[in-house]
PDB file of N, CA and C in Angstrom:
ATOM      1  N   MET A   1      21.909 175.506  53.817  1.00  0.00           N
ATOM      2  CA  MET A   1      23.561 175.525  53.431  1.00  0.00           C
ATOM      3  C   MET A   1      23.652 176.748  53.130  1.00  0.00           C
ATOM      4  N   GLU A   2      22.753 177.594  52.290  1.00  0.00           N
ATOM      5  CA  GLU A   2      23.072 178.775  51.187  1.00  0.00           C
ATOM      6  C   GLU A   2      22.945 179.672  52.407  1.00  0.00           C
ATOM      7  N   ASP A   3      22.085 179.713  53.131  1.00  0.00           N
ATOM      8  CA  ASP A   3      21.848 180.905  54.123  1.00  0.00           C
ATOM      9  C   ASP A   3      22.857 180.651  54.986  1.00  0.00           C
ATOM     10  N   LYS A   4      23.306 180.547  55.495  1.00  0.00           N
ATOM     11  CA  LYS A   4      24.752 180.226  56.355  1.00  0.00           C
ATOM     12  C   LYS A   4      26.031 180.648  55.450  1.00  0.00           C
ATOM     13  N   LYS A   5      26.271 180.273  54.275  1.00  0.00           N
ATOM     14  CA  LYS A   5      26.945 181.060  53.121  1.00  0.00           C
ATOM     15  C   LYS A   5      26.719 182.304  52.996  1.00  0.00           C
ATOM     16  N   LEU A   6      25.472 182.740  52.811  1.00  0.00           N
ATOM     17  CA  LEU A   6      25.039 184.393  53.020  1.00  0.00           C
ATOM     18  C   LEU A   6      25.263 184.922  53.826  1.00  0.00           C
ATOM     19  N   LEU A   7      24.961 184.563  54.809  1.00  0.00           N
ATOM     20  CA  LEU A   7      25.145 185.687  56.118  1.00  0.00           C
ATOM     21  C   LEU A   7      26.608 185.259  56.645  1.00  0.00           C
ATOM     22  N   LYS A   8      27.274 184.423  56.299  1.00  0.00           N
ATOM     23  CA  LYS A   8      28.912 183.967  56.186  1.00  0.00           C
ATOM     24  C   LYS A   8      29.512 185.490  55.677  1.00  0.00           C
ATOM     25  N   TRP A   9      28.883 185.550  54.560  1.00  0.00           N
ATOM     26  CA  TRP A   9      29.536 186.612  52.989  1.00  0.00           C
ATOM     27  C   TRP A   9      28.914 188.319  53.704  1.00  0.00           C
ATOM     28  N   VAL A  10      27.407 188.286  54.530  1.00  0.00           N
ATOM     29  CA  VAL A  10      27.283 189.614  54.711  1.00  0.00           C
ATOM     30  C   VAL A  10      28.352 190.003  56.033  1.00  0.00           C
ATOM     31  N   PHE A  11      28.606 188.686  56.951  1.00  0.00           N
ATOM     32  CA  PHE A  11      29.231 189.101  57.989  1.00  0.00           C
ATOM     33  C   PHE A  11      30.503 189.923  57.956  1.00  0.00           C
ATOM     34  N   ILE A  12      31.381 189.238  56.572  1.00  0.00           N
ATOM     35  CA  ILE A  12      32.701 189.398  55.929  1.00  0.00           C
ATOM     36  C   ILE A  12      32.443 191.406  55.748  1.00  0.00           C
ATOM     37  N   MET A  13      31.653 191.181  54.742  1.00  0.00           N
ATOM     38  CA  MET A  13      31.481 192.417  53.763  1.00  0.00           C
ATOM     39  C   MET A  13      31.153 193.849  54.828  1.00  0.00           C
ATOM     40  N   LEU A  14      30.267 193.315  55.844  1.00  0.00           N
ATOM     41  CA  LEU A  14      30.259 194.853  56.800  1.00  0.00           C
ATOM     42  C   LEU A  14      31.265 194.721  58.011  1.00  0.00           C
ATOM     43  N   LEU A  15      31.884 193.629  57.951  1.00  0.00           N
ATOM     44  CA  LEU A  15      33.185 193.686  59.111  1.00  0.00           C
ATOM     45  C   LEU A  15      34.543 194.395  58.287  1.00  0.00           C
ATOM     46  N   ALA A  16      34.631 194.136  57.370  1.00  0.00           N
ATOM     47  CA  ALA A  16      35.870 194.127  56.383  1.00  0.00           C
ATOM     48  C   ALA A  16      36.292 195.900  56.488  1.00  0.00           C
ATOM     49  N   PRO A  17      35.341 196.609  56.059  1.00  0.00           N
ATOM     50  CA  PRO A  17      35.421 198.390  55.981  1.00  0.00           C
ATOM     51  C   PRO A  17      35.718 198.734  57.206  1.00  0.00           C
ATOM     52  N   LEU A  18      35.095 198.112  58.768  1.00  0.00           N
ATOM     53  CA  LEU A  18      35.490 198.644  59.379  1.00  0.00           C
ATOM     54  C   LEU A  18      37.519 197.795  59.771  1.00  0.00           C
ATOM     55  N   VAL A  19      37.292 197.128  59.447  1.00  0.00           N
ATOM     56  CA  VAL A  19      38.784 196.616  60.012  1.00  0.00           C
ATOM     57  C   VAL A  19      39.696 197.241  59.131  1.00  0.00           C
ATOM     58  N   LEU A  20      39.666 197.848  58.169  1.00  0.00           N
ATOM     59  CA  LEU A  20      40.310 198.539  57.092  1.00  0.00           C
ATOM     60  C   LEU A  20      40.623 199.912  57.718  1.00  0.00           C
ATOM     61  N   ALA A  21      39.230 200.766  58.032  1.00  0.00           N
ATOM     62  CA  ALA A  21      39.606 201.762  58.741  1.00  0.00           C
ATOM     63  C   ALA A  21      40.275 202.045  60.010  1.00  0.00           C
ATOM     64  N   TYR A  22      40.127 201.028  60.656  1.00  0.00           N
ATOM     65  CA  TYR A  22      40.630 200.927  61.911  1.00  0.00           C
ATOM     66  C   TYR A  22      42.095 200.746  61.915  1.00  0.00           C
ATOM     67  N   PHE A  23      42.743 199.758  60.659  1.00  0.00           N
ATOM     68  CA  PHE A  23      44.220 199.991  60.923  1.00  0.00           C
ATOM     69  C   PHE A  23      44.511 200.329  59.722  1.00  0.00           C
ATOM     70  N   SER A  24      43.931 201.158  58.802  1.00  0.00           N
ATOM     71  CA  SER A  24      44.802 201.942  57.731  1.00  0.00           C
ATOM     72  C   SER A  24      45.416 203.105  58.286  1.00  0.00           C
ATOM     73  N   ASN A  25      44.962 203.921  59.341  1.00  0.00           N
ATOM     74  CA  ASN A  25      45.714 205.048  60.181  1.00  0.00           C
ATOM     75  C   ASN A  25      46.407 204.554  61.447  1.00  0.00           C
ATOM     76  N   GLY A  26      47.666 204.068  61.433  1.00  0.00           N
ATOM     77  CA  GLY A  26      48.227 203.866  62.250  1.00  0.00           C
ATOM     78  C   GLY A  26      48.550 204.901  63.371  1.00  0.00           C
ATOM     79  N   GLY A  27      48.301 206.059  63.104  1.00  0.00           N
ATOM     80  CA  GLY A  27      48.616 207.607  63.896  1.00  0.00           C
ATOM     81  C   GLY A  27      48.393 208.591  63.235  1.00  0.00           C
ATOM     82  N   GLU A  28      49.183 209.565  63.662  1.00  0.00           N
ATOM     83  CA  GLU A  28      48.567 210.654  62.761  1.00  0.00           C
ATOM     84  C   GLU A  28      49.124 210.526  61.464  1.00  0.00           C
ATOM     85  N   SER A  29      48.579 211.063  60.412  1.00  0.00           N
ATOM     86  CA  SER A  29      48.622 211.394  59.088  1.00  0.00           C
ATOM     87  C   SER A  29      48.126 213.386  58.663  1.00  0.00           C
ATOM     88  N   PHE A  30      49.381 213.437  57.948  1.00  0.00           N
ATOM     89  CA  PHE A  30      49.131 214.781  57.722  1.00  0.00           C
ATOM     90  C   PHE A  30      49.431 215.012  55.933  1.00  0.00           C
ATOM     91  N   ARG A  31      48.478 215.482  55.432  1.00  0.00           N
ATOM     92  CA  ARG A  31      48.556 215.510  54.223  1.00  0.00           C
ATOM     93  C   ARG A  31      49.752 216.215  53.172  1.00  0.00           C
ATOM     94  N   TYR A  32      50.521 217.014  53.894  1.00  0.00           N
ATOM     95  CA  TYR A  32      51.627 217.778  53.608  1.00  0.00           C
ATOM     96  C   TYR A  32      52.314 217.314  54.556  1.00  0.00           C
ATOM     97  N   PRO A  33      54.275 216.759  54.288  1.00  0.00           N
ATOM     98  CA  PRO A  33      55.046 216.434  55.567  1.00  0.00           C
ATOM     99  C   PRO A  33      55.246 217.712  56.532  1.00  0.00           C
ATOM    100  N   CYS A  34      55.513 218.550  55.703  1.00  0.00           N
ATOM    101  CA  CYS A  34      55.406 220.375  56.834  1.00  0.00           C
ATOM    102  C   CYS A  34      54.688 220.572  57.747  1.00  0.00           C
ATOM    103  N   GLN A  35      53.215 219.413  57.658  1.00  0.00           N
ATOM    104  CA  GLN A  35      52.461 220.099  58.283  1.00  0.00           C
ATOM    105  C   GLN A  35      52.751 219.449  59.962  1.00  0.00           C
ATOM    106  N   ASN A  36      53.778 218.426  59.814  1.00  0.00           N
ATOM    107  CA  ASN A  36      54.159 217.872  60.787  1.00  0.00           C
ATOM    108  C   ASN A  36      54.815 218.522  61.280  1.00  0.00           C
ATOM    109  N   PRO A  37      54.963 218.913  62.909  1.00  0.00           N
ATOM    110  CA  PRO A  37      55.838 219.906  63.620  1.00  0.00           C
ATOM    111  C   PRO A  37      57.168 218.986  63.956  1.00  0.00           C
ATOM    112  N   ASP A  38      57.086 217.945  63.708  1.00  0.00           N
ATOM    113  CA  ASP A  38      58.688 216.666  63.566  1.00  0.00           C
ATOM    114  C   ASP A  38      59.600 217.063  62.457  1.00  0.00           C
ATOM    115  N   ASN A  39      58.753 217.405  61.430  1.00  0.00           N
ATOM    116  CA  ASN A  39      59.336 217.707  60.164  1.00  0.00           C
ATOM    117  C   ASN A  39      60.071 219.444  59.916  1.00  0.00           C
ATOM    118  N   TRP A  40      59.648 220.511  60.793  1.00  0.00           N
ATOM    119  CA  TRP A  40      59.999 221.704  60.778  1.00  0.00           C
ATOM    120  C   TRP A  40      61.183 221.908  60.772  1.00  0.00           C
ATOM    121  N   ASP A  41      62.022 221.130  61.215  1.00  0.00           N
ATOM    122  CA  ASP A  41      63.512 221.535  61.250  1.00  0.00           C
ATOM    123  C   ASP A  41      64.165 221.171  60.297  1.00  0.00           C
ATOM    124  N   LYS A  42      63.900 220.115  59.319  1.00  0.00           N
ATOM    125  CA  LYS A  42      64.477 219.063  58.300  1.00  0.00           C
ATOM    126  C   LYS A  42      64.396 219.869  56.599  1.00  0.00           C
ATOM    127  N   PRO A  43      65.428 219.622  55.834  1.00  0.00           N
ATOM    128  CA  PRO A  43      65.620 220.558  55.278  1.00  0.00           C
ATOM    129  C   PRO A  43      64.501 220.417  53.866  1.00  0.00           C
ATOM    130  N   MET A  44      63.529 219.561  54.149  1.00  0.00           N
ATOM    131  CA  MET A  44      62.800 219.899  52.771  1.00  0.00           C
ATOM    132  C   MET A  44      61.330 220.748  53.457  1.00  0.00           C
ATOM    133  N   CYS A  45      61.739 221.347  54.646  1.00  0.00           N
ATOM    134  CA  CYS A  45      60.266 222.110  55.150  1.00  0.00           C
ATOM    135  C   CYS A  45      60.978 223.701  55.333  1.00  0.00           C
ATOM    136  N   LYS A  46      62.224 223.591  54.742  1.00  0.00           N
ATOM    137  CA  LYS A  46      62.835 225.069  54.886  1.00  0.00           C
ATOM    138  C   LYS A  46      62.988 225.463  53.630  1.00  0.00           C
ATOM    139  N   MET A  47      63.121 226.841  53.277  1.00  0.00           N
ATOM    140  CA  MET A  47      63.337 227.548  52.388  1.00  0.00           C
ATOM    141  C   MET A  47      64.762 227.484  51.990  1.00  0.00           C
ATOM    142  N   PRO A  48      64.846 227.412  50.253  1.00  0.00           N
ATOM    143  CA  PRO A  48      63.808 227.346  49.222  1.00  0.00           C
ATOM    144  C   PRO A  48      63.536 226.430  48.974  1.00  0.00           C
ATOM    145  N   ALA A  49      63.929 225.121  49.355  1.00  0.00           N
ATOM    146  CA  ALA A  49      63.048 223.765  49.058  1.00  0.00           C
ATOM    147  C   ALA A  49      61.707 224.013  48.735  1.00  0.00           C
ATOM    148  N   CYS A  50      61.197 224.164  49.868  1.00  0.00           N
ATOM    149  CA  CYS A  50      59.643 223.741  50.240  1.00  0.00           C
ATOM    150  C   CYS A  50      58.771 225.207  49.489  1.00  0.00           C
ATOM    151  N   ASP A  51      59.904 226.338  48.867  1.00  0.00           N
ATOM    152  CA  ASP A  51      59.150 227.318  48.436  1.00  0.00           C
ATOM    153  C   ASP A  51      58.399 226.921  47.318  1.00  0.00           C
ATOM    154  N   VAL A  52      59.427 226.135  46.186  1.00  0.00           N
ATOM    155  CA  VAL A  52      58.914 226.121  45.056  1.00  0.00           C
ATOM    156  C   VAL A  52      57.660 225.119  45.132  1.00  0.00           C
ATOM    157  N   THR A  53      57.193 224.029  46.033  1.00  0.00           N
ATOM    158  CA  THR A  53      56.130 223.398  46.326  1.00  0.00           C
ATOM    159  C   THR A  53      54.980 223.636  46.849  1.00  0.00           C
ATOM    160  N   ARG A  54      55.190 225.185  47.629  1.00  0.00           N
ATOM    161  CA  ARG A  54      54.253 226.138  48.244  1.00  0.00           C
ATOM    162  C   ARG A  54      53.826 224.865  49.519  1.00  0.00           C
ATOM    163  N   THR A  55      54.844 224.109  50.161  1.00  0.00           N
ATOM    164  CA  THR A  55      54.396 223.199  51.396  1.00  0.00           C
ATOM    165  C   THR A  55      55.043 223.666  52.513  1.00  0.00           C
ATOM    166  N   CYS A  56      55.872 224.639  52.609  1.00  0.00           N
ATOM    167  CA  CYS A  56      56.650 225.346  53.685  1.00  0.00           C
ATOM    168  C   CYS A  56      55.593 225.946  55.050  1.00  0.00           C
ATOM    169  N   PRO A  57      55.814 225.573  56.376  1.00  0.00           N
ATOM    170  CA  PRO A  57      54.632 225.902  57.431  1.00  0.00           C
ATOM    171  C   PRO A  57      54.226 227.010  57.428  1.00  0.00           C
ATOM    172  N   GLU A  58      54.704 227.979  56.476  1.00  0.00           N
ATOM    173  CA  GLU A  58      54.112 229.482  56.563  1.00  0.00           C
ATOM    174  C   GLU A  58      53.188 229.096  55.381  1.00  0.00           C
ATOM    175  N   HIS A  59      53.185 228.413  54.534  1.00  0.00           N
ATOM    176  CA  HIS A  59      52.220 228.549  53.305  1.00  0.00           C
ATOM    177  C   HIS A  59      51.041 227.834  53.656  1.00  0.00           C
ATOM    178  N   ILE A  60      51.532 226.875  54.266  1.00  0.00           N
ATOM    179  CA  ILE A  60      50.736 225.600  54.660  1.00  0.00           C
ATOM    180  C   ILE A  60      49.068 226.467  55.959  1.00  0.00           C
ATOM    181  N   PHE A  61      50.111 226.864  56.999  1.00  0.00           N
ATOM    182  CA  PHE A  61      49.186 227.854  57.969  1.00  0.00           C
ATOM    183  C   PHE A  61      48.987 228.880  57.702  1.00  0.00           C
ATOM    184  N   LYS A  62      49.144 229.222  56.545  1.00  0.00           N
ATOM    185  CA  LYS A  62      49.049 231.285  56.190  1.00  0.00           C
ATOM    186  C   LYS A  62      49.102 231.889  56.901  1.00  0.00           C
ATOM    187  N   GLY A  63      50.319 231.917  57.598  1.00  0.00           N
ATOM    188  CA  GLY A  63      50.603 232.478  58.646  1.00  0.00           C
ATOM    189  C   GLY A  63      50.085 232.433  60.236  1.00  0.00           C
ATOM    190  N   GLN A  64      49.295 231.263  60.377  1.00  0.00           N
ATOM    191  CA  GLN A  64      48.693 231.301  61.326  1.00  0.00           C
ATOM    192  C   GLN A  64      49.763 230.181  62.361  1.00  0.00           C
ATOM    193  N   ARG A  65      49.613 229.920  63.453  1.00  0.00           N
ATOM    194  CA  ARG A  65      50.249 229.325  63.956  1.00  0.00           C
ATOM    195  C   ARG A  65      49.671 227.917  64.084  1.00  0.00           C
ATOM    196  N   ASP A  66      49.981 226.356  64.273  1.00  0.00           N
ATOM    197  CA  ASP A  66      49.419 225.567  64.171  1.00  0.00           C
ATOM    198  C   ASP A  66      48.792 225.341  64.982  1.00  0.00           C
ATOM    199  N   PRO A  67      47.697 224.715  65.562  1.00  0.00           N
ATOM    200  CA  PRO A  67      46.455 224.763  66.569  1.00  0.00           C
ATOM    201  C   PRO A  67      46.812 224.095  67.454  1.00  0.00           C
ATOM    202  N   ARG A  68      47.238 222.757  66.851  1.00  0.00           N
ATOM    203  CA  ARG A  68      47.791 221.720  67.801  1.00  0.00           C
ATOM    204  C   ARG A  68      49.353 221.787  68.946  1.00  0.00           C
ATOM    205  N   LEU A  69      49.558 223.055  68.855  1.00  0.00           N
ATOM    206  CA  LEU A  69      50.622 223.519  69.579  1.00  0.00           C
ATOM    207  C   LEU A  69      50.478 224.230  70.795  1.00  0.00           C
ATOM    208  N   GLY A  70      49.330 224.592  70.652  1.00  0.00           N
ATOM    209  CA  GLY A  70      48.563 225.186  72.005  1.00  0.00           C
ATOM    210  C   GLY A  70      49.039 226.704  71.336  1.00  0.00           C
ATOM    211  N   PRO A  71      48.451 227.307  73.151  1.00  0.00           N
ATOM    212  CA  PRO A  71      49.339 229.072  72.921  1.00  0.00           C
ATOM    213  C   PRO A  71      50.665 229.387  73.108  1.00  0.00           C
ATOM    214  N   PRO A  72      50.893 230.170  72.087  1.00  0.00           N
ATOM    215  CA  PRO A  72      52.555 230.482  72.159  1.00  0.00           C
ATOM    216  C   PRO A  72      53.068 230.450  73.943  1.00  0.00           C
ATOM    217  N   LYS A  73      54.516 230.125  74.058  1.00  0.00           N
ATOM    218  CA  LYS A  73      54.515 230.344  75.613  1.00  0.00           C
ATOM    219  C   LYS A  73      54.803 231.515  75.892  1.00  0.00           C
ATOM    220  N   ASP A  74      55.439 232.757  74.530  1.00  0.00           N
ATOM    221  CA  ASP A  74      56.140 233.932  75.413  1.00  0.00           C
ATOM    222  C   ASP A  74      54.896 234.898  75.112  1.00  0.00           C
ATOM    223  N   GLU A  75      53.601 234.734  74.601  1.00  0.00           N
ATOM    224  CA  GLU A  75      52.463 235.627  74.212  1.00  0.00           C
ATOM    225  C   GLU A  75      51.552 235.094  75.469  1.00  0.00           C
ATOM    226  N   PRO A  76      51.389 236.216  76.351  1.00  0.00           N
ATOM    227  CA  PRO A  76      50.378 235.659  77.181  1.00  0.00           C
ATOM    228  C   PRO A  76      48.858 235.287  76.639  1.00  0.00           C
ATOM    229  N   ASN A  77      48.233 234.306  77.065  1.00  0.00           N
ATOM    230  CA  ASN A  77      46.917 234.204  76.646  1.00  0.00           C
ATOM    231  C   ASN A  77      46.063 235.113  76.647  1.00  0.00           C
ATOM    232  N   LYS A  78      45.638 236.081  75.571  1.00  0.00           N
ATOM    233  CA  LYS A  78      44.359 236.903  75.324  1.00  0.00           C
ATOM    234  C   LYS A  78      43.091 236.257  75.188  1.00  0.00           C
ATOM    235  N   THR A  79      42.308 237.019  75.867  1.00  0.00           N
ATOM    236  CA  THR A  79      41.162 236.554  76.158  1.00  0.00           C
ATOM    237  C   THR A  79      40.086 237.888  75.279  1.00  0.00           C
ATOM    238  N   THR A  80      39.255 237.557  74.467  1.00  0.00           N
ATOM    239  CA  THR A  80      38.590 238.488  74.092  1.00  0.00           C
ATOM    240  C   THR A  80      37.245 238.434  74.864  1.00  0.00           C
ATOM    241  N   THR A  81      36.690 239.739  74.783  1.00  0.00           N
ATOM    242  CA  THR A  81      35.595 239.877  75.487  1.00  0.00           C
ATOM    243  C   THR A  81      34.296 240.393  74.078  1.00  0.00           C
ATOM    244  N   THR A  82      33.392 240.343  73.747  1.00  0.00           N
ATOM    245  CA  THR A  82      32.371 240.787  73.238  1.00  0.00           C
ATOM    246  C   THR A  82      31.392 241.520  73.769  1.00  0.00           C
ATOM    247  N   PRO A  83      31.517 242.865  73.165  1.00  0.00           N
ATOM    248  CA  PRO A  83      30.110 243.661  73.818  1.00  0.00           C
ATOM    249  C   PRO A  83      28.955 243.060  73.829  1.00  0.00           C
ATOM    250  N   ALA A  84      28.282 243.228  75.049  1.00  0.00           N
ATOM    251  CA  ALA A  84      26.951 243.038  74.662  1.00  0.00           C
ATOM    252  C   ALA A  84      26.097 243.740  74.579  1.00  0.00           C
ATOM    253  N   PRO A  85      25.183 243.405  73.255  1.00  0.00           N
ATOM    254  CA  PRO A  85      24.756 244.480  72.416  1.00  0.00           C
ATOM    255  C   PRO A  85      23.624 245.082  73.274  1.00  0.00           C
ATOM    256  N   SER A  86      23.345 246.529  72.718  1.00  0.00           N
ATOM    257  CA  SER A  86      22.526 247.428  73.589  1.00  0.00           C
ATOM    258  C   SER A  86      20.634 247.518  72.971  1.00  0.00           C
ATOM    259  N   ALA A  87      20.193 247.177  73.899  1.00  0.00           N
ATOM    260  CA  ALA A  87      18.840 246.938  74.042  1.00  0.00           C
ATOM    261  C   ALA A  87      18.319 248.571  73.825  1.00  0.00           C
ATOM    262  N   SER A  88      18.074 249.176  72.294  1.00  0.00           N
ATOM    263  CA  SER A  88      17.313 250.125  72.337  1.00  0.00           C
ATOM    264  C   SER A  88      15.694 249.930  72.028  1.00  0.00           C
ATOM    265  N   PHE A  89      14.652 250.696  72.130  1.00  0.00           N
ATOM    266  CA  PHE A  89      13.544 250.136  72.207  1.00  0.00           C
ATOM    267  C   PHE A  89      13.047 251.404  71.413  1.00  0.00           C
ATOM    268  N   GLY A  90      13.805 252.530  71.113  1.00  0.00           N
ATOM    269  CA  GLY A  90      13.337 253.940  70.265  1.00  0.00           C
ATOM    270  C   GLY A  90      13.034 253.654  68.907  1.00  0.00           C
ATOM    271  N   PRO A  91      12.600 254.745  68.071  1.00  0.00           N
ATOM    272  CA  PRO A  91      12.547 254.742  66.960  1.00  0.00           C
ATOM    273  C   PRO A  91      13.418 254.034  66.006  1.00  0.00           C
ATOM    274  N   THR A  92      13.112 253.435  65.122  1.00  0.00           N
ATOM    275  CA  THR A  92      14.031 252.999  64.123  1.00  0.00           C
ATOM    276  C   THR A  92      14.386 253.844  62.799  1.00  0.00           C
ATOM    277  N   THR A  93      15.174 253.868  62.431  1.00  0.00           N
ATOM    278  CA  THR A  93      15.177 254.466  61.512  1.00  0.00           C
ATOM    279  C   THR A  93      15.266 253.572  59.852  1.00  0.00           C
ATOM    280  N   GLN A  94      14.970 253.627  59.204  1.00  0.00           N
ATOM    281  CA  GLN A  94      14.022 253.500  57.841  1.00  0.00           C
ATOM    282  C   GLN A  94      15.415 253.600  56.567  1.00  0.00           C
ATOM    283  N   GLY A  95      15.270 252.644  55.844  1.00  0.00           N
ATOM    284  CA  GLY A  95      16.663 252.864  54.608  1.00  0.00           C
ATOM    285  C   GLY A  95      15.566 253.753  53.801  1.00  0.00           C
ATOM    286  N   ALA A  96      16.508 253.514  52.613  1.00  0.00           N
ATOM    287  CA  ALA A  96      15.895 254.662  51.793  1.00  0.00           C
ATOM    288  C   ALA A  96      14.881 254.350  50.690  1.00  0.00           C
ATOM    289  N   ASN A  97      14.843 252.631  50.363  1.00  0.00           N
ATOM    290  CA  ASN A  97      13.743 252.277  49.512  1.00  0.00           C
ATOM    291  C   ASN A  97      12.768 251.534  50.711  1.00  0.00           C
ATOM    292  N   CYS A  98      12.383 251.821  51.614  1.00  0.00           N
ATOM    293  CA  CYS A  98      11.624 251.134  52.901  1.00  0.00           C
ATOM    294  C   CYS A  98      10.747 251.504  52.964  1.00  0.00           C
ATOM    295  N   GLY A  99       9.623 253.338  52.256  1.00  0.00           N
ATOM    296  CA  GLY A  99       8.777 254.154  52.409  1.00  0.00           C
ATOM    297  C   GLY A  99       8.867 254.700  53.695  1.00  0.00           C
ATOM    298  N   LYS A 100       8.275 255.931  53.776  1.00  0.00           N
ATOM    299  CA  LYS A 100       8.018 256.174  55.411  1.00  0.00           C
ATOM    300  C   LYS A 100       6.231 256.210  55.979  1.00  0.00           C
TER     301      LYS A 100
END
């Protein structure tokens, strides 16, 4: 009888955190209300109200665009290419303290 009771409590203790984690965040959650793009037009996310708490979108994203919005529509998608490193097999120069 004690084994069944112990097994039941172990099962509940293992299942409880999973259930709480599943139901605790019903949707997107944001640390600051002005991180949510839906709130950007509200007075709480406009200057000077948000400037006091430093929670304006400009402060939160530090001048960067919110990555969830995707690339801006007015600016073409910039692709950057990195040049391939050149392989040189010639003599290498040594620093001042490396000895010669």
